Amino acid sequence: MSFTYKLVAILNKEIDTGVAMNALAHMTLGLGSQVDKTLLRLDTYETQDGVLFPNISQMPFMILRGKSNEIRKAVSGAISQKMQCGVFVETMTGGTYLDQLARTKDTQESHLVYYGAVILGPWDEVSLLTKRFSLYR
């Protein structure tokens, strides 16, 4: 089966797994809140006895890994191509959310450590943008 859109997460391979999963959760939640549900191809899975599991995407969700600067470049490319993108950076951890907002505001983008990005866009364009990343293990 082929899909029009591709959903990909890129996680920083130099951070702990727990931190990466936290970043993935925040980025995916943020992206999901701004994207038209029809693009995500959300469906409801149902068991034989009627238990429902709603809002599961029919599309594969590739989880890739890379370094901070590689993620930064992918994000820049996604933004320049008008793709939907969610990002999580180091300043978004530690302390309260107010501390995190202030730390991010006080940091130039070029000094941010990218923990991850989630990108949704046309299949072929996302594939070109992410082809050099390896699968997350």
N, C-alpha and C. Protein backbone atom coordinates (compact mmCIF):
# COMPACT_ATOMS: atom_id res chain seq x y z
N MET A 1 0.85 -1.18 0.00
CA MET A 1 0.00 0.00 0.00
C MET A 1 0.89 1.24 0.00
N SER A 2 0.50 2.23 -0.76
CA SER A 2 1.28 3.46 -0.79
C SER A 2 0.50 4.58 -0.11
N PHE A 3 1.24 5.53 0.43
CA PHE A 3 0.65 6.65 1.14
C PHE A 3 1.13 7.96 0.51
N THR A 4 0.29 8.97 0.55
CA THR A 4 0.64 10.28 0.02
C THR A 4 1.61 11.00 0.94
N TYR A 5 1.39 10.86 2.25
CA TYR A 5 2.22 11.55 3.24
C TYR A 5 3.07 10.56 4.02
N LYS A 6 4.16 11.08 4.57
CA LYS A 6 5.07 10.26 5.37
C LYS A 6 5.27 10.94 6.72
N LEU A 7 5.24 10.14 7.77
CA LEU A 7 5.45 10.61 9.14
C LEU A 7 6.74 10.00 9.66
N VAL A 8 7.67 10.87 10.06
CA VAL A 8 8.99 10.43 10.50
C VAL A 8 9.38 11.18 11.76
N ALA A 9 9.99 10.47 12.70
CA ALA A 9 10.62 11.10 13.86
C ALA A 9 12.12 10.87 13.74
N ILE A 10 12.89 11.89 14.08
CA ILE A 10 14.35 11.76 14.13
C ILE A 10 14.75 12.09 15.56
N LEU A 11 15.40 11.14 16.22
CA LEU A 11 15.82 11.33 17.61
C LEU A 11 17.34 11.43 17.69
N ASN A 12 17.79 12.25 18.61
CA ASN A 12 19.23 12.44 18.82
C ASN A 12 19.82 11.15 19.38
N LYS A 13 20.77 10.59 18.65
CA LYS A 13 21.35 9.31 19.06
C LYS A 13 22.30 9.42 20.23
N GLU A 14 22.58 10.64 20.68
CA GLU A 14 23.53 10.85 21.77
C GLU A 14 22.85 11.08 23.12
N ILE A 15 21.52 10.95 23.18
CA ILE A 15 20.82 11.14 24.45
C ILE A 15 20.26 9.80 24.94
N ASP A 16 19.99 9.73 26.24
CA ASP A 16 19.45 8.51 26.84
C ASP A 16 18.08 8.18 26.27
N THR A 17 17.75 6.91 26.26
CA THR A 17 16.48 6.44 25.70
C THR A 17 15.28 7.10 26.37
N GLY A 18 15.29 7.21 27.69
CA GLY A 18 14.17 7.83 28.39
C GLY A 18 13.96 9.28 27.99
N VAL A 19 15.04 10.02 27.83
CA VAL A 19 14.98 11.41 27.39
C VAL A 19 14.44 11.47 25.96
N ALA A 20 14.90 10.56 25.12
CA ALA A 20 14.44 10.51 23.73
C ALA A 20 12.94 10.21 23.66
N MET A 21 12.45 9.30 24.50
CA MET A 21 11.03 8.96 24.49
C MET A 21 10.20 10.15 24.97
N ASN A 22 10.70 10.89 25.96
CA ASN A 22 10.02 12.10 26.42
C ASN A 22 9.93 13.12 25.28
N ALA A 23 11.04 13.31 24.58
CA ALA A 23 11.05 14.24 23.45
C ALA A 23 10.06 13.78 22.38
N LEU A 24 10.06 12.49 22.07
CA LEU A 24 9.16 11.94 21.06
C LEU A 24 7.70 12.19 21.43
N ALA A 25 7.37 11.97 22.69
CA ALA A 25 5.99 12.18 23.15
C ALA A 25 5.57 13.63 22.98
N HIS A 26 6.41 14.56 23.43
CA HIS A 26 6.08 15.98 23.33
C HIS A 26 5.96 16.43 21.88
N MET A 27 6.90 16.03 21.04
CA MET A 27 6.88 16.45 19.63
C MET A 27 5.67 15.91 18.90
N THR A 28 5.35 14.64 19.14
CA THR A 28 4.24 14.00 18.45
C THR A 28 2.91 14.61 18.90
N LEU A 29 2.78 14.87 20.19
CA LEU A 29 1.58 15.51 20.70
C LEU A 29 1.40 16.89 20.08
N GLY A 30 2.50 17.66 20.03
CA GLY A 30 2.44 18.99 19.43
C GLY A 30 2.08 18.95 17.96
N LEU A 31 2.72 18.08 17.21
CA LEU A 31 2.44 17.97 15.78
C LEU A 31 1.00 17.52 15.56
N GLY A 32 0.57 16.53 16.33
CA GLY A 32 -0.79 16.01 16.18
C GLY A 32 -1.86 17.06 16.44
N SER A 33 -1.56 18.02 17.30
CA SER A 33 -2.54 19.05 17.62
C SER A 33 -2.73 20.06 16.49
N GLN A 34 -1.76 20.15 15.58
CA GLN A 34 -1.85 21.17 14.53
C GLN A 34 -2.13 20.61 13.14
N VAL A 35 -2.21 19.28 13.02
CA VAL A 35 -2.35 18.65 11.71
C VAL A 35 -3.79 18.20 11.49
N ASP A 36 -4.27 18.37 10.27
CA ASP A 36 -5.58 17.88 9.87
C ASP A 36 -5.60 16.35 10.03
N LYS A 37 -6.57 15.84 10.75
CA LYS A 37 -6.64 14.40 11.03
C LYS A 37 -6.67 13.55 9.76
N THR A 38 -7.22 14.08 8.68
CA THR A 38 -7.28 13.28 7.45
C THR A 38 -5.88 13.02 6.90
N LEU A 39 -4.93 13.94 7.12
CA LEU A 39 -3.56 13.73 6.67
C LEU A 39 -2.89 12.60 7.43
N LEU A 40 -3.27 12.43 8.69
CA LEU A 40 -2.67 11.40 9.54
C LEU A 40 -3.28 10.01 9.29
N ARG A 41 -4.38 9.98 8.56
CA ARG A 41 -5.07 8.72 8.25
C ARG A 41 -5.36 7.91 9.52
N LEU A 42 -6.00 8.59 10.47
CA LEU A 42 -6.32 7.95 11.74
C LEU A 42 -7.51 7.02 11.58
N ASP A 43 -7.43 5.89 12.23
CA ASP A 43 -8.46 4.87 12.14
C ASP A 43 -8.74 4.34 13.54
N THR A 44 -9.82 3.58 13.67
CA THR A 44 -10.14 2.92 14.93
C THR A 44 -9.99 1.42 14.74
N TYR A 45 -9.18 0.82 15.57
CA TYR A 45 -9.01 -0.63 15.57
C TYR A 45 -10.00 -1.20 16.58
N GLU A 46 -10.62 -2.33 16.24
CA GLU A 46 -11.61 -2.94 17.11
C GLU A 46 -11.31 -4.42 17.28
N THR A 47 -11.43 -4.88 18.52
CA THR A 47 -11.22 -6.30 18.80
C THR A 47 -12.50 -7.08 18.50
N GLN A 48 -12.39 -8.38 18.50
CA GLN A 48 -13.54 -9.25 18.24
C GLN A 48 -14.68 -8.99 19.23
N ASP A 49 -14.31 -8.64 20.47
CA ASP A 49 -15.35 -8.42 21.49
C ASP A 49 -15.72 -6.95 21.64
N GLY A 50 -15.39 -6.12 20.65
CA GLY A 50 -15.89 -4.75 20.61
C GLY A 50 -15.07 -3.69 21.33
N VAL A 51 -13.90 -4.03 21.82
CA VAL A 51 -13.05 -3.02 22.46
C VAL A 51 -12.41 -2.17 21.36
N LEU A 52 -12.52 -0.83 21.51
CA LEU A 52 -12.04 0.09 20.49
C LEU A 52 -10.71 0.72 20.88
N PHE A 53 -9.85 0.88 19.89
CA PHE A 53 -8.57 1.58 20.04
C PHE A 53 -8.55 2.68 18.97
N PRO A 54 -9.06 3.88 19.31
CA PRO A 54 -9.21 4.93 18.30
C PRO A 54 -7.91 5.70 18.03
N ASN A 55 -7.93 6.40 16.91
CA ASN A 55 -6.88 7.35 16.53
C ASN A 55 -5.51 6.71 16.35
N ILE A 56 -5.46 5.57 15.68
CA ILE A 56 -4.20 4.93 15.32
C ILE A 56 -4.00 5.16 13.82
N SER A 57 -2.83 5.67 13.45
CA SER A 57 -2.58 5.98 12.05
C SER A 57 -2.40 4.71 11.23
N GLN A 58 -2.96 4.75 10.03
CA GLN A 58 -2.76 3.66 9.07
C GLN A 58 -1.34 3.71 8.50
N MET A 59 -0.72 4.88 8.55
CA MET A 59 0.61 5.06 7.97
C MET A 59 1.69 4.50 8.88
N PRO A 60 2.77 4.03 8.30
CA PRO A 60 3.92 3.69 9.14
C PRO A 60 4.49 4.96 9.76
N PHE A 61 5.09 4.84 10.91
CA PHE A 61 5.72 5.96 11.60
C PHE A 61 7.18 5.56 11.80
N MET A 62 8.04 6.05 10.94
CA MET A 62 9.45 5.68 10.99
C MET A 62 10.16 6.47 12.09
N ILE A 63 10.94 5.79 12.90
CA ILE A 63 11.73 6.42 13.96
C ILE A 63 13.19 6.28 13.57
N LEU A 64 13.82 7.42 13.33
CA LEU A 64 15.21 7.46 12.87
C LEU A 64 16.09 8.09 13.94
N ARG A 65 17.40 8.05 13.71
CA ARG A 65 18.32 8.66 14.67
C ARG A 65 19.41 9.42 13.94
N GLY A 66 19.91 10.46 14.62
CA GLY A 66 20.97 11.27 14.04
C GLY A 66 21.55 12.18 15.11
N LYS A 67 22.48 13.01 14.70
CA LYS A 67 23.11 13.98 15.61
C LYS A 67 22.33 15.29 15.58
N SER A 68 22.54 16.11 16.60
CA SER A 68 21.83 17.37 16.74
C SER A 68 21.90 18.22 15.47
N ASN A 69 23.09 18.41 14.93
CA ASN A 69 23.23 19.26 13.74
C ASN A 69 22.53 18.66 12.52
N GLU A 70 22.50 17.34 12.43
CA GLU A 70 21.79 16.68 11.32
C GLU A 70 20.28 16.90 11.46
N ILE A 71 19.79 16.82 12.69
CA ILE A 71 18.37 17.07 12.94
C ILE A 71 18.04 18.52 12.61
N ARG A 72 18.90 19.45 13.02
CA ARG A 72 18.71 20.87 12.72
C ARG A 72 18.55 21.08 11.21
N LYS A 73 19.42 20.46 10.42
CA LYS A 73 19.36 20.60 8.96
C LYS A 73 18.06 20.03 8.40
N ALA A 74 17.63 18.89 8.93
CA ALA A 74 16.37 18.29 8.46
C ALA A 74 15.19 19.20 8.79
N VAL A 75 15.19 19.78 9.98
CA VAL A 75 14.13 20.71 10.38
C VAL A 75 14.11 21.92 9.46
N SER A 76 15.28 22.48 9.20
CA SER A 76 15.39 23.63 8.30
C SER A 76 14.84 23.29 6.92
N GLY A 77 15.19 22.12 6.42
CA GLY A 77 14.69 21.68 5.12
C GLY A 77 13.18 21.48 5.12
N ALA A 78 12.67 20.90 6.20
CA ALA A 78 11.23 20.67 6.31
C ALA A 78 10.47 22.00 6.34
N ILE A 79 10.98 22.94 7.11
CA ILE A 79 10.33 24.25 7.20
C ILE A 79 10.37 24.96 5.85
N SER A 80 11.52 24.92 5.18
CA SER A 80 11.63 25.60 3.88
C SER A 80 10.71 24.98 2.83
N GLN A 81 10.37 23.70 3.00
CA GLN A 81 9.46 23.03 2.06
C GLN A 81 8.01 23.04 2.56
N LYS A 82 7.76 23.83 3.60
CA LYS A 82 6.40 24.00 4.14
C LYS A 82 5.79 22.71 4.67
N MET A 83 6.64 21.84 5.22
CA MET A 83 6.15 20.60 5.84
C MET A 83 5.74 20.88 7.28
N GLN A 84 4.88 20.04 7.81
CA GLN A 84 4.52 20.13 9.22
C GLN A 84 5.68 19.57 10.04
N CYS A 85 6.02 20.24 11.13
CA CYS A 85 7.20 19.84 11.89
C CYS A 85 7.01 20.14 13.37
N GLY A 86 7.42 19.21 14.22
CA GLY A 86 7.47 19.41 15.66
C GLY A 86 8.89 19.18 16.12
N VAL A 87 9.37 19.99 17.05
CA VAL A 87 10.77 19.94 17.47
C VAL A 87 10.84 19.93 18.99
N PHE A 88 11.87 19.26 19.52
CA PHE A 88 12.15 19.28 20.95
C PHE A 88 13.65 19.48 21.13
N VAL A 89 14.01 20.47 21.96
CA VAL A 89 15.42 20.81 22.17
C VAL A 89 15.78 20.73 23.65
N GLU A 90 17.08 20.72 23.92
CA GLU A 90 17.59 20.53 25.28
C GLU A 90 17.01 21.53 26.28
N THR A 91 16.79 22.77 25.87
CA THR A 91 16.29 23.79 26.80
C THR A 91 14.87 23.52 27.27
N MET A 92 14.20 22.54 26.66
CA MET A 92 12.84 22.18 27.04
C MET A 92 12.80 21.12 28.13
N THR A 93 13.93 20.89 28.79
CA THR A 93 13.99 19.91 29.88
C THR A 93 14.51 20.60 31.14
N GLY A 94 14.19 20.02 32.29
CA GLY A 94 14.69 20.52 33.58
C GLY A 94 13.90 21.70 34.10
N GLY A 95 13.62 21.69 35.39
CA GLY A 95 12.88 22.78 36.01
C GLY A 95 11.42 22.78 35.58
N THR A 96 10.77 23.92 35.77
CA THR A 96 9.37 24.05 35.40
C THR A 96 9.26 24.43 33.92
N TYR A 97 8.04 24.37 33.40
CA TYR A 97 7.87 24.78 32.01
C TYR A 97 8.20 26.25 31.83
N LEU A 98 8.01 27.06 32.89
CA LEU A 98 8.38 28.48 32.81
C LEU A 98 9.90 28.64 32.70
N ASP A 99 10.64 27.83 33.46
CA ASP A 99 12.11 27.83 33.33
C ASP A 99 12.51 27.44 31.92
N GLN A 100 11.84 26.44 31.37
CA GLN A 100 12.17 25.95 30.03
C GLN A 100 11.89 27.01 28.97
N LEU A 101 10.75 27.68 29.09
CA LEU A 101 10.42 28.76 28.16
C LEU A 101 11.48 29.86 28.21
N ALA A 102 11.89 30.24 29.43
CA ALA A 102 12.89 31.30 29.60
C ALA A 102 14.24 30.87 29.03
N ARG A 103 14.65 29.63 29.32
CA ARG A 103 15.94 29.13 28.81
C ARG A 103 15.95 29.11 27.28
N THR A 104 14.85 28.68 26.70
CA THR A 104 14.78 28.63 25.24
C THR A 104 14.83 30.05 24.67
N LYS A 105 14.10 30.97 25.29
CA LYS A 105 14.08 32.36 24.84
C LYS A 105 15.47 33.00 24.92
N ASP A 106 16.28 32.57 25.88
CA ASP A 106 17.62 33.13 26.10
C ASP A 106 18.71 32.44 25.29
N THR A 107 18.34 31.51 24.42
CA THR A 107 19.33 30.74 23.65
C THR A 107 19.13 30.98 22.16
N GLN A 108 20.21 31.28 21.47
CA GLN A 108 20.14 31.41 20.02
C GLN A 108 19.92 30.03 19.40
N GLU A 109 19.18 30.00 18.31
CA GLU A 109 18.86 28.72 17.68
C GLU A 109 20.12 27.93 17.35
N SER A 110 21.16 28.59 16.92
CA SER A 110 22.39 27.90 16.53
C SER A 110 23.09 27.23 17.71
N HIS A 111 22.71 27.61 18.94
CA HIS A 111 23.30 27.01 20.14
C HIS A 111 22.42 25.93 20.77
N LEU A 112 21.25 25.70 20.20
CA LEU A 112 20.35 24.68 20.74
C LEU A 112 20.86 23.28 20.41
N VAL A 113 20.67 22.37 21.35
CA VAL A 113 20.93 20.95 21.11
C VAL A 113 19.57 20.33 20.77
N TYR A 114 19.46 19.83 19.56
CA TYR A 114 18.21 19.23 19.10
C TYR A 114 18.10 17.81 19.65
N TYR A 115 17.03 17.55 20.42
CA TYR A 115 16.77 16.21 20.91
C TYR A 115 15.95 15.41 19.90
N GLY A 116 15.21 16.12 19.05
CA GLY A 116 14.44 15.40 18.04
C GLY A 116 13.54 16.29 17.22
N ALA A 117 12.98 15.69 16.19
CA ALA A 117 12.00 16.35 15.33
C ALA A 117 11.04 15.31 14.79
N VAL A 118 9.81 15.72 14.59
CA VAL A 118 8.80 14.91 13.93
C VAL A 118 8.37 15.68 12.69
N ILE A 119 8.38 15.01 11.56
CA ILE A 119 8.09 15.67 10.29
C ILE A 119 6.99 14.91 9.56
N LEU A 120 6.03 15.67 9.03
CA LEU A 120 4.96 15.12 8.20
C LEU A 120 4.93 15.92 6.90
N GLY A 121 5.02 15.22 5.79
CA GLY A 121 4.99 15.89 4.50
C GLY A 121 4.80 14.89 3.38
N PRO A 122 4.82 15.39 2.15
CA PRO A 122 4.69 14.49 1.01
C PRO A 122 5.75 13.39 1.06
N TRP A 123 5.33 12.17 0.79
CA TRP A 123 6.16 10.97 0.97
C TRP A 123 7.55 11.12 0.35
N ASP A 124 7.60 11.48 -0.92
CA ASP A 124 8.89 11.54 -1.61
C ASP A 124 9.81 12.62 -1.06
N GLU A 125 9.23 13.78 -0.71
CA GLU A 125 10.05 14.87 -0.17
C GLU A 125 10.61 14.54 1.21
N VAL A 126 9.78 13.93 2.06
CA VAL A 126 10.27 13.53 3.39
C VAL A 126 11.34 12.46 3.24
N SER A 127 11.14 11.55 2.30
CA SER A 127 12.14 10.49 2.06
C SER A 127 13.48 11.08 1.65
N LEU A 128 13.47 12.07 0.77
CA LEU A 128 14.72 12.73 0.36
C LEU A 128 15.39 13.43 1.53
N LEU A 129 14.59 14.08 2.35
CA LEU A 129 15.10 14.84 3.49
C LEU A 129 15.72 13.94 4.55
N THR A 130 15.23 12.72 4.67
CA THR A 130 15.64 11.84 5.78
C THR A 130 16.44 10.62 5.33
N LYS A 131 16.81 10.54 4.07
CA LYS A 131 17.43 9.32 3.55
C LYS A 131 18.77 8.97 4.19
N ARG A 132 19.46 9.93 4.76
CA ARG A 132 20.78 9.66 5.35
C ARG A 132 20.72 9.24 6.82
N PHE A 133 19.54 9.26 7.39
CA PHE A 133 19.39 8.86 8.78
C PHE A 133 19.20 7.34 8.86
N SER A 134 19.66 6.75 9.96
CA SER A 134 19.46 5.31 10.15
C SER A 134 18.30 5.08 11.12
N LEU A 135 17.78 3.87 11.12
CA LEU A 135 16.68 3.52 12.02
C LEU A 135 17.14 3.60 13.48
N TYR A 136 16.25 4.06 14.33
CA TYR A 136 16.52 4.12 15.77
C TYR A 136 16.49 2.71 16.34
N ARG A 137 17.46 2.39 17.17
CA ARG A 137 17.50 1.06 17.81
C ARG A 137 17.60 1.19 19.30
